[in-house]
PDB file of N, CA and C in Angstrom:
ATOM      1  N   MET A   1       0.629  -1.350   0.055  1.00  0.00           N
ATOM      2  CA  MET A   1      -0.101  -0.134  -0.078  1.00  0.00           C
ATOM      3  C   MET A   1       0.884   1.390   0.099  1.00  0.00           C
ATOM      4  N   VAL A   2       0.657   2.396  -0.809  1.00  0.00           N
ATOM      5  CA  VAL A   2       1.124   3.705  -0.858  1.00  0.00           C
ATOM      6  C   VAL A   2       0.358   4.573  -0.451  1.00  0.00           C
ATOM      7  N   THR A   3       0.733   5.565   0.468  1.00  0.00           N
ATOM      8  CA  THR A   3       0.176   6.616   0.638  1.00  0.00           C
ATOM      9  C   THR A   3       0.760   7.935   0.329  1.00  0.00           C
ATOM     10  N   TYR A   4       0.264   8.936  -0.552  1.00  0.00           N
ATOM     11  CA  TYR A   4       1.004  10.033  -0.612  1.00  0.00           C
ATOM     12  C   TYR A   4       0.323  11.102   0.144  1.00  0.00           C
ATOM     13  N   ARG A   5       1.059  12.149   0.692  1.00  0.00           N
ATOM     14  CA  ARG A   5       0.724  13.210   1.375  1.00  0.00           C
ATOM     15  C   ARG A   5       1.035  14.855   0.970  1.00  0.00           C
ATOM     16  N   GLY A   6       0.492  15.495   1.126  1.00  0.00           N
ATOM     17  CA  GLY A   6       0.785  16.845   0.478  1.00  0.00           C
ATOM     18  C   GLY A   6       1.706  17.259   0.726  1.00  0.00           C
ATOM     19  N   ASP A   7       2.520  17.287   1.745  1.00  0.00           N
ATOM     20  CA  ASP A   7       4.020  17.926   2.151  1.00  0.00           C
ATOM     21  C   ASP A   7       5.136  17.254   1.567  1.00  0.00           C
ATOM     22  N   GLY A   8       5.041  16.466   0.181  1.00  0.00           N
ATOM     23  CA  GLY A   8       6.118  15.861  -0.247  1.00  0.00           C
ATOM     24  C   GLY A   8       6.567  14.490   0.284  1.00  0.00           C
ATOM     25  N   SER A   9       5.833  13.959   1.395  1.00  0.00           N
ATOM     26  CA  SER A   9       6.189  12.767   1.938  1.00  0.00           C
ATOM     27  C   SER A   9       5.185  11.771   1.261  1.00  0.00           C
ATOM     28  N   SER A  10       5.340  10.439   1.597  1.00  0.00           N
ATOM     29  CA  SER A  10       4.898   9.417   1.221  1.00  0.00           C
ATOM     30  C   SER A  10       5.124   8.328   2.053  1.00  0.00           C
ATOM     31  N   GLU A  11       4.472   7.287   2.348  1.00  0.00           N
ATOM     32  CA  GLU A  11       4.666   6.013   2.890  1.00  0.00           C
ATOM     33  C   GLU A  11       4.363   4.617   2.110  1.00  0.00           C
ATOM     34  N   VAL A  12       5.252   3.754   2.164  1.00  0.00           N
ATOM     35  CA  VAL A  12       5.067   2.599   1.702  1.00  0.00           C
ATOM     36  C   VAL A  12       4.924   1.375   2.415  1.00  0.00           C
ATOM     37  N   GLN A  13       3.835   0.339   2.688  1.00  0.00           N
ATOM     38  CA  GLN A  13       3.829  -0.879   3.645  1.00  0.00           C
ATOM     39  C   GLN A  13       3.874  -1.823   2.831  1.00  0.00           C
ATOM     40  N   LEU A  14       4.745  -2.792   3.046  1.00  0.00           N
ATOM     41  CA  LEU A  14       4.844  -4.144   2.380  1.00  0.00           C
ATOM     42  C   LEU A  14       5.234  -4.890   3.799  1.00  0.00           C
ATOM     43  N   GLY A  15       3.927  -5.744   3.874  1.00  0.00           N
ATOM     44  CA  GLY A  15       3.475  -6.755   4.624  1.00  0.00           C
ATOM     45  C   GLY A  15       4.171  -5.809   6.391  1.00  0.00           C
ATOM     46  N   GLN A  16       4.967  -6.175   7.050  1.00  0.00           N
ATOM     47  CA  GLN A  16       5.002  -5.688   8.470  1.00  0.00           C
ATOM     48  C   GLN A  16       6.082  -4.417   8.036  1.00  0.00           C
ATOM     49  N   THR A  17       6.790  -4.113   7.034  1.00  0.00           N
ATOM     50  CA  THR A  17       7.707  -3.008   6.440  1.00  0.00           C
ATOM     51  C   THR A  17       7.032  -1.667   6.546  1.00  0.00           C
ATOM     52  N   LEU A  18       7.313  -0.874   7.153  1.00  0.00           N
ATOM     53  CA  LEU A  18       6.801   0.729   6.803  1.00  0.00           C
ATOM     54  C   LEU A  18       8.229   1.488   6.300  1.00  0.00           C
ATOM     55  N   VAL A  19       7.985   2.267   5.102  1.00  0.00           N
ATOM     56  CA  VAL A  19       8.916   3.067   4.703  1.00  0.00           C
ATOM     57  C   VAL A  19       8.425   4.393   4.362  1.00  0.00           C
ATOM     58  N   MET A  20       9.280   5.474   5.254  1.00  0.00           N
ATOM     59  CA  MET A  20       8.612   6.682   5.036  1.00  0.00           C
ATOM     60  C   MET A  20       9.533   7.696   4.115  1.00  0.00           C
ATOM     61  N   GLY A  21       9.253   8.302   2.985  1.00  0.00           N
ATOM     62  CA  GLY A  21      10.118   8.940   1.967  1.00  0.00           C
ATOM     63  C   GLY A  21       9.732  10.337   2.107  1.00  0.00           C
ATOM     64  N   ILE A  22      10.536  11.421   2.328  1.00  0.00           N
ATOM     65  CA  ILE A  22      10.440  12.787   2.150  1.00  0.00           C
ATOM     66  C   ILE A  22      11.353  13.304   1.138  1.00  0.00           C
ATOM     67  N   VAL A  23      10.783  13.940   0.090  1.00  0.00           N
ATOM     68  CA  VAL A  23      11.312  14.813  -0.811  1.00  0.00           C
ATOM     69  C   VAL A  23      11.349  16.456  -0.843  1.00  0.00           C
ATOM     70  N   THR A  24      12.238  16.935  -0.721  1.00  0.00           N
ATOM     71  CA  THR A  24      12.434  18.784  -0.650  1.00  0.00           C
ATOM     72  C   THR A  24      13.080  18.931  -1.528  1.00  0.00           C
ATOM     73  N   ALA A  25      12.923  20.048  -2.145  1.00  0.00           N
ATOM     74  CA  ALA A  25      13.734  21.041  -3.275  1.00  0.00           C
ATOM     75  C   ALA A  25      13.868  22.556  -2.771  1.00  0.00           C
ATOM     76  N   GLN A  26      15.141  22.855  -3.177  1.00  0.00           N
ATOM     77  CA  GLN A  26      15.509  24.210  -2.845  1.00  0.00           C
ATOM     78  C   GLN A  26      16.382  24.772  -4.184  1.00  0.00           C
ATOM     79  N   LEU A  27      16.158  26.086  -4.793  1.00  0.00           N
ATOM     80  CA  LEU A  27      16.709  26.902  -5.675  1.00  0.00           C
ATOM     81  C   LEU A  27      18.003  27.375  -5.085  1.00  0.00           C
ATOM     82  N   VAL A  28      19.166  26.800  -6.111  1.00  0.00           N
ATOM     83  CA  VAL A  28      20.363  27.318  -5.515  1.00  0.00           C
ATOM     84  C   VAL A  28      21.136  27.958  -6.571  1.00  0.00           C
ATOM     85  N   GLN A  29      21.898  28.776  -6.572  1.00  0.00           N
ATOM     86  CA  GLN A  29      22.872  29.578  -7.813  1.00  0.00           C
ATOM     87  C   GLN A  29      23.741  28.416  -8.091  1.00  0.00           C
ATOM     88  N   PRO A  30      23.705  28.171  -9.459  1.00  0.00           N
ATOM     89  CA  PRO A  30      24.517  27.174  -9.797  1.00  0.00           C
ATOM     90  C   PRO A  30      25.929  27.515  -9.987  1.00  0.00           C
ATOM     91  N   TYR A  31      27.066  26.542  -9.826  1.00  0.00           N
ATOM     92  CA  TYR A  31      28.545  26.888  -9.821  1.00  0.00           C
ATOM     93  C   TYR A  31      28.735  27.471 -11.142  1.00  0.00           C
ATOM     94  N   LYS A  32      29.879  28.617 -11.093  1.00  0.00           N
ATOM     95  CA  LYS A  32      30.327  29.158 -12.402  1.00  0.00           C
ATOM     96  C   LYS A  32      30.819  28.487 -13.614  1.00  0.00           C
ATOM     97  N   ASP A  33      31.549  27.464 -13.229  1.00  0.00           N
ATOM     98  CA  ASP A  33      31.987  26.587 -14.185  1.00  0.00           C
ATOM     99  C   ASP A  33      30.768  25.260 -14.924  1.00  0.00           C
ATOM    100  N   ARG A  34      29.722  25.615 -14.146  1.00  0.00           N
ATOM    101  CA  ARG A  34      29.123  24.579 -14.873  1.00  0.00           C
ATOM    102  C   ARG A  34      27.136  25.539 -14.643  1.00  0.00           C
ATOM    103  N   PRO A  35      27.102  26.549 -15.340  1.00  0.00           N
ATOM    104  CA  PRO A  35      25.988  27.422 -15.264  1.00  0.00           C
ATOM    105  C   PRO A  35      24.731  26.690 -15.444  1.00  0.00           C
ATOM    106  N   LYS A  36      24.704  25.458 -16.546  1.00  0.00           N
ATOM    107  CA  LYS A  36      23.464  25.009 -16.637  1.00  0.00           C
ATOM    108  C   LYS A  36      23.170  23.521 -16.244  1.00  0.00           C
ATOM    109  N   GLU A  37      23.833  23.274 -14.816  1.00  0.00           N
ATOM    110  CA  GLU A  37      23.801  21.888 -14.170  1.00  0.00           C
ATOM    111  C   GLU A  37      23.483  22.554 -12.814  1.00  0.00           C
ATOM    112  N   GLY A  38      22.731  21.408 -12.551  1.00  0.00           N
ATOM    113  CA  GLY A  38      22.323  21.460 -10.801  1.00  0.00           C
ATOM    114  C   GLY A  38      22.978  20.319 -10.072  1.00  0.00           C
ATOM    115  N   MET A  39      22.041  20.429  -9.022  1.00  0.00           N
ATOM    116  CA  MET A  39      22.842  19.342  -7.891  1.00  0.00           C
ATOM    117  C   MET A  39      21.815  18.374  -7.432  1.00  0.00           C
ATOM    118  N   LEU A  40      21.883  17.234  -6.737  1.00  0.00           N
ATOM    119  CA  LEU A  40      21.026  16.288  -6.342  1.00  0.00           C
ATOM    120  C   LEU A  40      21.651  15.545  -5.305  1.00  0.00           C
ATOM    121  N   SER A  41      21.071  15.925  -4.209  1.00  0.00           N
ATOM    122  CA  SER A  41      21.790  15.172  -2.905  1.00  0.00           C
ATOM    123  C   SER A  41      20.572  14.257  -2.360  1.00  0.00           C
ATOM    124  N   ILE A  42      21.208  12.964  -1.865  1.00  0.00           N
ATOM    125  CA  ILE A  42      20.329  11.825  -1.585  1.00  0.00           C
ATOM    126  C   ILE A  42      20.796  11.665   0.016  1.00  0.00           C
ATOM    127  N   ILE A  43      19.996  11.796   0.950  1.00  0.00           N
ATOM    128  CA  ILE A  43      20.305  11.534   2.331  1.00  0.00           C
ATOM    129  C   ILE A  43      19.522  10.522   2.733  1.00  0.00           C
ATOM    130  N   THR A  44      19.783   9.200   3.436  1.00  0.00           N
ATOM    131  CA  THR A  44      19.132   8.366   4.062  1.00  0.00           C
ATOM    132  C   THR A  44      19.192   8.183   5.679  1.00  0.00           C
ATOM    133  N   GLU A  45      18.235   7.948   6.301  1.00  0.00           N
ATOM    134  CA  GLU A  45      18.252   7.707   7.680  1.00  0.00           C
ATOM    135  C   GLU A  45      17.261   6.619   8.085  1.00  0.00           C
ATOM    136  N   PHE A  46      18.079   5.727   8.784  1.00  0.00           N
ATOM    137  CA  PHE A  46      17.236   4.600   9.547  1.00  0.00           C
ATOM    138  C   PHE A  46      16.944   5.297  11.082  1.00  0.00           C
ATOM    139  N   SER A  47      15.690   4.956  11.592  1.00  0.00           N
ATOM    140  CA  SER A  47      15.398   5.930  12.652  1.00  0.00           C
ATOM    141  C   SER A  47      15.298   4.675  13.799  1.00  0.00           C
ATOM    142  N   PRO A  48      15.860   4.816  15.131  1.00  0.00           N
ATOM    143  CA  PRO A  48      15.888   4.249  16.097  1.00  0.00           C
ATOM    144  C   PRO A  48      14.498   3.527  16.402  1.00  0.00           C
ATOM    145  N   MET A  49      13.854   4.280  16.120  1.00  0.00           N
ATOM    146  CA  MET A  49      12.176   3.761  16.179  1.00  0.00           C
ATOM    147  C   MET A  49      11.873   2.681  15.391  1.00  0.00           C
ATOM    148  N   ALA A  50      12.405   2.167  14.084  1.00  0.00           N
ATOM    149  CA  ALA A  50      12.322   1.380  13.273  1.00  0.00           C
ATOM    150  C   ALA A  50      13.011   0.046  14.114  1.00  0.00           C
ATOM    151  N   ASP A  51      14.132   0.128  14.785  1.00  0.00           N
ATOM    152  CA  ASP A  51      15.025  -0.968  14.922  1.00  0.00           C
ATOM    153  C   ASP A  51      15.928  -0.409  16.166  1.00  0.00           C
ATOM    154  N   PRO A  52      15.911  -1.056  17.529  1.00  0.00           N
ATOM    155  CA  PRO A  52      16.893  -0.557  18.569  1.00  0.00           C
ATOM    156  C   PRO A  52      18.099  -0.520  17.894  1.00  0.00           C
ATOM    157  N   SER A  53      18.583  -1.259  17.008  1.00  0.00           N
ATOM    158  CA  SER A  53      20.348  -1.338  16.313  1.00  0.00           C
ATOM    159  C   SER A  53      20.700  -0.042  15.720  1.00  0.00           C
ATOM    160  N   PHE A  54      19.557   0.715  15.098  1.00  0.00           N
ATOM    161  CA  PHE A  54      19.981   1.902  14.495  1.00  0.00           C
ATOM    162  C   PHE A  54      20.101   3.131  15.468  1.00  0.00           C
ATOM    163  N   GLU A  55      21.291   4.169  15.675  1.00  0.00           N
ATOM    164  CA  GLU A  55      21.440   4.698  16.425  1.00  0.00           C
ATOM    165  C   GLU A  55      21.339   6.079  15.919  1.00  0.00           C
ATOM    166  N   PRO A  56      21.008   7.026  16.694  1.00  0.00           N
ATOM    167  CA  PRO A  56      20.514   8.306  16.323  1.00  0.00           C
ATOM    168  C   PRO A  56      22.219   9.091  15.926  1.00  0.00           C
ATOM    169  N   GLY A  57      21.856  10.056  15.101  1.00  0.00           N
ATOM    170  CA  GLY A  57      23.164  10.853  14.866  1.00  0.00           C
ATOM    171  C   GLY A  57      23.467  10.695  13.294  1.00  0.00           C
ATOM    172  N   ARG A  58      25.121  10.224  13.045  1.00  0.00           N
ATOM    173  CA  ARG A  58      25.618  10.274  11.787  1.00  0.00           C
ATOM    174  C   ARG A  58      24.987   8.797  11.338  1.00  0.00           C
ATOM    175  N   PRO A  59      24.764   9.071   9.979  1.00  0.00           N
ATOM    176  CA  PRO A  59      24.050   7.532   9.133  1.00  0.00           C
ATOM    177  C   PRO A  59      25.182   6.518   9.251  1.00  0.00           C
ATOM    178  N   GLY A  60      24.566   5.263   9.673  1.00  0.00           N
ATOM    179  CA  GLY A  60      25.487   4.077   9.280  1.00  0.00           C
ATOM    180  C   GLY A  60      25.751   3.802   8.222  1.00  0.00           C
ATOM    181  N   GLU A  61      26.285   2.794   8.218  1.00  0.00           N
ATOM    182  CA  GLU A  61      26.964   1.979   6.897  1.00  0.00           C
ATOM    183  C   GLU A  61      25.825   1.746   5.918  1.00  0.00           C
ATOM    184  N   LEU A  62      24.598   1.035   6.537  1.00  0.00           N
ATOM    185  CA  LEU A  62      23.638   0.757   5.835  1.00  0.00           C
ATOM    186  C   LEU A  62      22.767   1.840   4.860  1.00  0.00           C
ATOM    187  N   ALA A  63      22.656   3.058   5.878  1.00  0.00           N
ATOM    188  CA  ALA A  63      22.100   4.146   5.409  1.00  0.00           C
ATOM    189  C   ALA A  63      22.790   4.652   4.052  1.00  0.00           C
ATOM    190  N   VAL A  64      24.171   4.660   4.382  1.00  0.00           N
ATOM    191  CA  VAL A  64      25.045   5.312   3.363  1.00  0.00           C
ATOM    192  C   VAL A  64      24.960   4.696   1.873  1.00  0.00           C
ATOM    193  N   GLU A  65      25.236   3.430   1.969  1.00  0.00           N
ATOM    194  CA  GLU A  65      24.960   2.486   1.097  1.00  0.00           C
ATOM    195  C   GLU A  65      23.845   2.414   0.177  1.00  0.00           C
ATOM    196  N   LEU A  66      22.508   2.484   0.819  1.00  0.00           N
ATOM    197  CA  LEU A  66      21.446   2.786   0.471  1.00  0.00           C
ATOM    198  C   LEU A  66      21.333   4.026  -0.249  1.00  0.00           C
ATOM    199  N   GLY A  67      21.638   5.481   0.169  1.00  0.00           N
ATOM    200  CA  GLY A  67      21.634   6.639  -0.629  1.00  0.00           C
ATOM    201  C   GLY A  67      22.185   6.623  -1.794  1.00  0.00           C
ATOM    202  N   ARG A  68      23.540   5.917  -1.692  1.00  0.00           N
ATOM    203  CA  ARG A  68      24.556   5.491  -2.783  1.00  0.00           C
ATOM    204  C   ARG A  68      23.589   4.932  -3.802  1.00  0.00           C
ATOM    205  N   ILE A  69      23.046   3.815  -3.691  1.00  0.00           N
ATOM    206  CA  ILE A  69      22.144   2.916  -4.300  1.00  0.00           C
ATOM    207  C   ILE A  69      21.048   3.830  -5.233  1.00  0.00           C
ATOM    208  N   ILE A  70      20.462   4.452  -4.650  1.00  0.00           N
ATOM    209  CA  ILE A  70      19.149   5.420  -4.739  1.00  0.00           C
ATOM    210  C   ILE A  70      19.946   6.692  -5.866  1.00  0.00           C
ATOM    211  N   ASP A  71      21.134   6.979  -5.174  1.00  0.00           N
ATOM    212  CA  ASP A  71      21.652   8.240  -6.077  1.00  0.00           C
ATOM    213  C   ASP A  71      21.853   7.573  -7.510  1.00  0.00           C
ATOM    214  N   ARG A  72      22.757   6.447  -7.664  1.00  0.00           N
ATOM    215  CA  ARG A  72      22.936   5.712  -8.989  1.00  0.00           C
ATOM    216  C   ARG A  72      21.616   5.417  -9.836  1.00  0.00           C
ATOM    217  N   GLY A  73      20.651   5.186  -9.117  1.00  0.00           N
ATOM    218  CA  GLY A  73      19.571   4.665  -9.834  1.00  0.00           C
ATOM    219  C   GLY A  73      18.793   6.032 -10.443  1.00  0.00           C
ATOM    220  N   LEU A  74      18.813   7.063  -9.706  1.00  0.00           N
ATOM    221  CA  LEU A  74      18.536   8.468 -10.469  1.00  0.00           C
ATOM    222  C   LEU A  74      19.094   8.838 -11.391  1.00  0.00           C
ATOM    223  N   ARG A  75      20.647   9.001 -10.976  1.00  0.00           N
ATOM    224  CA  ARG A  75      21.551   9.552 -12.321  1.00  0.00           C
ATOM    225  C   ARG A  75      21.635   9.131 -13.407  1.00  0.00           C
ATOM    226  N   TYR A  76      21.541   7.768 -13.581  1.00  0.00           N
ATOM    227  CA  TYR A  76      22.136   6.767 -14.810  1.00  0.00           C
ATOM    228  C   TYR A  76      20.553   6.177 -15.369  1.00  0.00           C
ATOM    229  N   CYS A  77      19.298   6.932 -15.121  1.00  0.00           N
ATOM    230  CA  CYS A  77      18.258   6.608 -15.878  1.00  0.00           C
ATOM    231  C   CYS A  77      17.812   7.342 -16.739  1.00  0.00           C
TER     232      CYS A  77
END
């Protein structure tokens, strides 16, 4: 089941797993050497509310790897 919300977030539930995604955007001045290119940043976070093994603060190894996978998928499609 997928639930879309008006604030740029959505929830996806697969069995007992619930994932929340949030998208935000910001207009910024492009770099002078690349005036027609933009930037894309992917940030992932695993909440301790999801599992006690996830710690607050800096993203863990799994969160970093997931961010890289999402980034690659978006850049090369």
